[in-house]
Amino acid sequence: QVQLVESGGGLVQAGGSLRLSCAASGRTFSGYAMAWFRQAPGKEREFVAGISTSGGSTYYTDSVKGRFTISRDNAKNTVYLQINTLKPEDTAVYYCAARRGTVVTFDAYFYWGQGTQVTVSS
């Protein structure tokens, strides 16, 4: 069992930055590929970024490349999402997710956090 708790969301003006954190507890964190998804009102949940177990490989959806950075600290059981140059279309609930094995860009993750709201004002 893995428990995931996100934090760091909030209201920010366009062009601003946020750093989301996802703290994991339970089984060996380093054995899990981690990802961030987001769901905007009226839209389906979408993959945003993923990171391999070691942190050596990262993956991003095209719309966030160059603005978002995913990282992890296996010693702290935490994965981060640095979000820069925020746009109103980034407004969504952001979810952290974990799965054994490799990163996938669809929601085949076994463990999910409760989500953290990010709202970007124009």
C-alpha atoms as a PDB file:
ATOM      1  CA  GLN A   1       0.000   0.000   0.000  1.00  0.00           C
ATOM      2  CA  VAL A   2       1.241   3.476  -0.917  1.00  0.00           C
ATOM      3  CA  GLN A   3      -0.317   6.679   0.342  1.00  0.00           C
ATOM      4  CA  LEU A   4       0.238   9.866  -1.650  1.00  0.00           C
ATOM      5  CA  VAL A   5      -0.386  13.376  -0.360  1.00  0.00           C
ATOM      6  CA  GLU A   6      -0.030  16.386  -2.646  1.00  0.00           C
ATOM      7  CA  SER A   7       0.599  19.943  -1.534  1.00  0.00           C
ATOM      8  CA  GLY A   8       1.684  23.254  -2.966  1.00  0.00           C
ATOM      9  CA  GLY A   9      -1.298  24.234  -5.057  1.00  0.00           C
ATOM     10  CA  GLY A  10      -2.880  27.657  -4.907  1.00  0.00           C
ATOM     11  CA  LEU A  11      -3.993  30.759  -6.738  1.00  0.00           C
ATOM     12  CA  VAL A  12      -1.329  32.433  -8.838  1.00  0.00           C
ATOM     13  CA  GLN A  13      -1.237  35.053 -11.566  1.00  0.00           C
ATOM     14  CA  ALA A  14      -0.368  34.144 -15.118  1.00  0.00           C
ATOM     15  CA  GLY A  15       3.376  34.045 -15.571  1.00  0.00           C
ATOM     16  CA  GLY A  16       3.967  32.968 -12.009  1.00  0.00           C
ATOM     17  CA  SER A  17       5.399  29.760 -10.607  1.00  0.00           C
ATOM     18  CA  LEU A  18       4.463  27.016  -8.202  1.00  0.00           C
ATOM     19  CA  ARG A  19       6.130  23.908  -6.880  1.00  0.00           C
ATOM     20  CA  LEU A  20       3.892  20.967  -6.158  1.00  0.00           C
ATOM     21  CA  SER A  21       5.034  18.234  -3.822  1.00  0.00           C
ATOM     22  CA  CYS A  22       3.797  14.690  -3.392  1.00  0.00           C
ATOM     23  CA  ALA A  23       4.838  12.874  -0.260  1.00  0.00           C
ATOM     24  CA  ALA A  24       4.632   9.101  -0.333  1.00  0.00           C
ATOM     25  CA  SER A  25       4.402   6.703   2.549  1.00  0.00           C
ATOM     26  CA  GLY A  26       4.161   2.974   2.695  1.00  0.00           C
ATOM     27  CA  ARG A  27       6.231   0.638   0.619  1.00  0.00           C
ATOM     28  CA  THR A  28       9.555   1.357  -1.023  1.00  0.00           C
ATOM     29  CA  PHE A  29       9.133   4.625  -2.850  1.00  0.00           C
ATOM     30  CA  SER A  30      12.129   4.094  -5.098  1.00  0.00           C
ATOM     31  CA  GLY A  31      10.455   1.089  -6.666  1.00  0.00           C
ATOM     32  CA  TYR A  32       7.640   3.160  -8.143  1.00  0.00           C
ATOM     33  CA  ALA A  33       7.443   5.201 -11.289  1.00  0.00           C
ATOM     34  CA  MET A  34       5.726   8.474 -10.468  1.00  0.00           C
ATOM     35  CA  ALA A  35       3.595  10.832 -12.487  1.00  0.00           C
ATOM     36  CA  TRP A  36       1.540  13.975 -12.314  1.00  0.00           C
ATOM     37  CA  PHE A  37      -1.849  14.201 -13.970  1.00  0.00           C
ATOM     38  CA  ARG A  38      -4.301  17.068 -14.051  1.00  0.00           C
ATOM     39  CA  GLN A  39      -8.008  17.465 -14.575  1.00  0.00           C
ATOM     40  CA  ALA A  40      -9.564  20.751 -15.590  1.00  0.00           C
ATOM     41  CA  PRO A  41     -13.300  21.430 -15.120  1.00  0.00           C
ATOM     42  CA  GLY A  42     -15.333  19.587 -17.716  1.00  0.00           C
ATOM     43  CA  LYS A  43     -12.305  17.804 -19.141  1.00  0.00           C
ATOM     44  CA  GLU A  44     -10.803  14.362 -18.814  1.00  0.00           C
ATOM     45  CA  ARG A  45      -7.808  13.750 -16.610  1.00  0.00           C
ATOM     46  CA  GLU A  46      -4.585  14.044 -18.602  1.00  0.00           C
ATOM     47  CA  PHE A  47      -0.980  13.009 -18.144  1.00  0.00           C
ATOM     48  CA  VAL A  48       1.326  15.944 -17.437  1.00  0.00           C
ATOM     49  CA  ALA A  49       4.720  14.513 -16.469  1.00  0.00           C
ATOM     50  CA  GLY A  50       6.332  11.276 -15.360  1.00  0.00           C
ATOM     51  CA  ILE A  51       9.619  10.167 -13.857  1.00  0.00           C
ATOM     52  CA  SER A  52      11.320   6.805 -13.703  1.00  0.00           C
ATOM     53  CA  THR A  53      12.153   5.002 -10.479  1.00  0.00           C
ATOM     54  CA  SER A  54      15.717   6.317 -10.408  1.00  0.00           C
ATOM     55  CA  GLY A  55      14.808   9.770 -11.675  1.00  0.00           C
ATOM     56  CA  GLY A  56      17.009   9.270 -14.700  1.00  0.00           C
ATOM     57  CA  SER A  57      14.198   9.530 -17.227  1.00  0.00           C
ATOM     58  CA  THR A  58      11.458  12.106 -17.415  1.00  0.00           C
ATOM     59  CA  TYR A  59       8.470  12.493 -19.703  1.00  0.00           C
ATOM     60  CA  TYR A  60       6.190  15.433 -20.451  1.00  0.00           C
ATOM     61  CA  THR A  61       3.106  16.150 -22.421  1.00  0.00           C
ATOM     62  CA  ASP A  62       3.841  18.593 -25.237  1.00  0.00           C
ATOM     63  CA  SER A  63       1.869  21.491 -23.778  1.00  0.00           C
ATOM     64  CA  VAL A  64       4.091  21.732 -20.696  1.00  0.00           C
ATOM     65  CA  LYS A  65       7.523  21.011 -22.120  1.00  0.00           C
ATOM     66  CA  GLY A  66       9.956  23.758 -21.193  1.00  0.00           C
ATOM     67  CA  ARG A  67       7.706  25.069 -18.415  1.00  0.00           C
ATOM     68  CA  PHE A  68       7.221  22.086 -16.089  1.00  0.00           C
ATOM     69  CA  THR A  69       9.952  20.034 -14.433  1.00  0.00           C
ATOM     70  CA  ILE A  70       9.349  16.793 -12.581  1.00  0.00           C
ATOM     71  CA  SER A  71      11.900  15.540 -10.082  1.00  0.00           C
ATOM     72  CA  ARG A  72      12.081  13.141  -7.177  1.00  0.00           C
ATOM     73  CA  ASP A  73      14.019  12.684  -3.983  1.00  0.00           C
ATOM     74  CA  ASN A  74      13.974   9.010  -3.084  1.00  0.00           C
ATOM     75  CA  ALA A  75      15.586   9.717   0.283  1.00  0.00           C
ATOM     76  CA  LYS A  76      12.613  11.928   1.174  1.00  0.00           C
ATOM     77  CA  ASN A  77       9.959   9.790  -0.548  1.00  0.00           C
ATOM     78  CA  THR A  78       8.829  12.857  -2.438  1.00  0.00           C
ATOM     79  CA  VAL A  79       8.171  13.795  -6.038  1.00  0.00           C
ATOM     80  CA  TYR A  80       7.972  17.396  -7.177  1.00  0.00           C
ATOM     81  CA  LEU A  81       6.501  19.319 -10.054  1.00  0.00           C
ATOM     82  CA  GLN A  82       8.012  22.724 -10.679  1.00  0.00           C
ATOM     83  CA  ILE A  83       5.616  24.791 -12.756  1.00  0.00           C
ATOM     84  CA  ASN A  84       6.877  27.974 -14.361  1.00  0.00           C
ATOM     85  CA  THR A  85       5.295  30.554 -16.649  1.00  0.00           C
ATOM     86  CA  LEU A  86       1.829  29.493 -15.578  1.00  0.00           C
ATOM     87  CA  LYS A  87      -1.032  30.034 -18.001  1.00  0.00           C
ATOM     88  CA  PRO A  88      -4.776  30.200 -17.307  1.00  0.00           C
ATOM     89  CA  GLU A  89      -5.161  26.917 -19.196  1.00  0.00           C
ATOM     90  CA  ASP A  90      -2.996  25.239 -16.548  1.00  0.00           C
ATOM     91  CA  THR A  91      -5.869  25.669 -14.091  1.00  0.00           C
ATOM     92  CA  ALA A  92      -6.799  22.197 -12.875  1.00  0.00           C
ATOM     93  CA  VAL A  93      -6.649  19.775 -10.009  1.00  0.00           C
ATOM     94  CA  TYR A  94      -3.220  18.165 -10.080  1.00  0.00           C
ATOM     95  CA  TYR A  95      -2.873  14.550  -9.001  1.00  0.00           C
ATOM     96  CA  CYS A  96       0.172  12.541  -8.080  1.00  0.00           C
ATOM     97  CA  ALA A  97       0.199   8.865  -9.074  1.00  0.00           C
ATOM     98  CA  ALA A  98       2.433   5.825  -8.592  1.00  0.00           C
ATOM     99  CA  ARG A  99       2.878   2.483 -10.301  1.00  0.00           C
ATOM    100  CA  ARG A 100       5.363  -0.344 -10.336  1.00  0.00           C
ATOM    101  CA  GLY A 101       7.534  -0.563 -13.405  1.00  0.00           C
ATOM    102  CA  THR A 102       7.877   2.075 -16.068  1.00  0.00           C
ATOM    103  CA  VAL A 103       6.229   5.415 -16.662  1.00  0.00           C
ATOM    104  CA  VAL A 104       3.176   5.305 -18.881  1.00  0.00           C
ATOM    105  CA  THR A 105       1.329   8.318 -20.224  1.00  0.00           C
ATOM    106  CA  PHE A 106      -2.165   7.011 -19.554  1.00  0.00           C
ATOM    107  CA  ASP A 107      -3.821   6.547 -16.184  1.00  0.00           C
ATOM    108  CA  ALA A 108      -2.712   2.957 -15.519  1.00  0.00           C
ATOM    109  CA  TYR A 109      -1.426   3.910 -12.096  1.00  0.00           C
ATOM    110  CA  PHE A 110      -2.445   1.973  -9.034  1.00  0.00           C
ATOM    111  CA  TYR A 111      -2.039   4.640  -6.390  1.00  0.00           C
ATOM    112  CA  TRP A 112      -3.398   8.191  -6.501  1.00  0.00           C
ATOM    113  CA  GLY A 113      -3.320  11.203  -4.250  1.00  0.00           C
ATOM    114  CA  GLN A 114      -6.320  13.335  -3.404  1.00  0.00           C
ATOM    115  CA  GLY A 115      -5.240  16.197  -5.650  1.00  0.00           C
ATOM    116  CA  THR A 116      -4.243  19.805  -5.177  1.00  0.00           C
ATOM    117  CA  GLN A 117      -5.947  22.732  -6.882  1.00  0.00           C
ATOM    118  CA  VAL A 118      -3.961  25.064  -9.098  1.00  0.00           C
ATOM    119  CA  THR A 119      -5.779  28.177 -10.275  1.00  0.00           C
ATOM    120  CA  VAL A 120      -4.136  30.644 -12.631  1.00  0.00           C
ATOM    121  CA  SER A 121      -5.673  34.075 -13.026  1.00  0.00           C
ATOM    122  CA  SER A 122      -5.181  36.121 -16.176  1.00  0.00           C
END
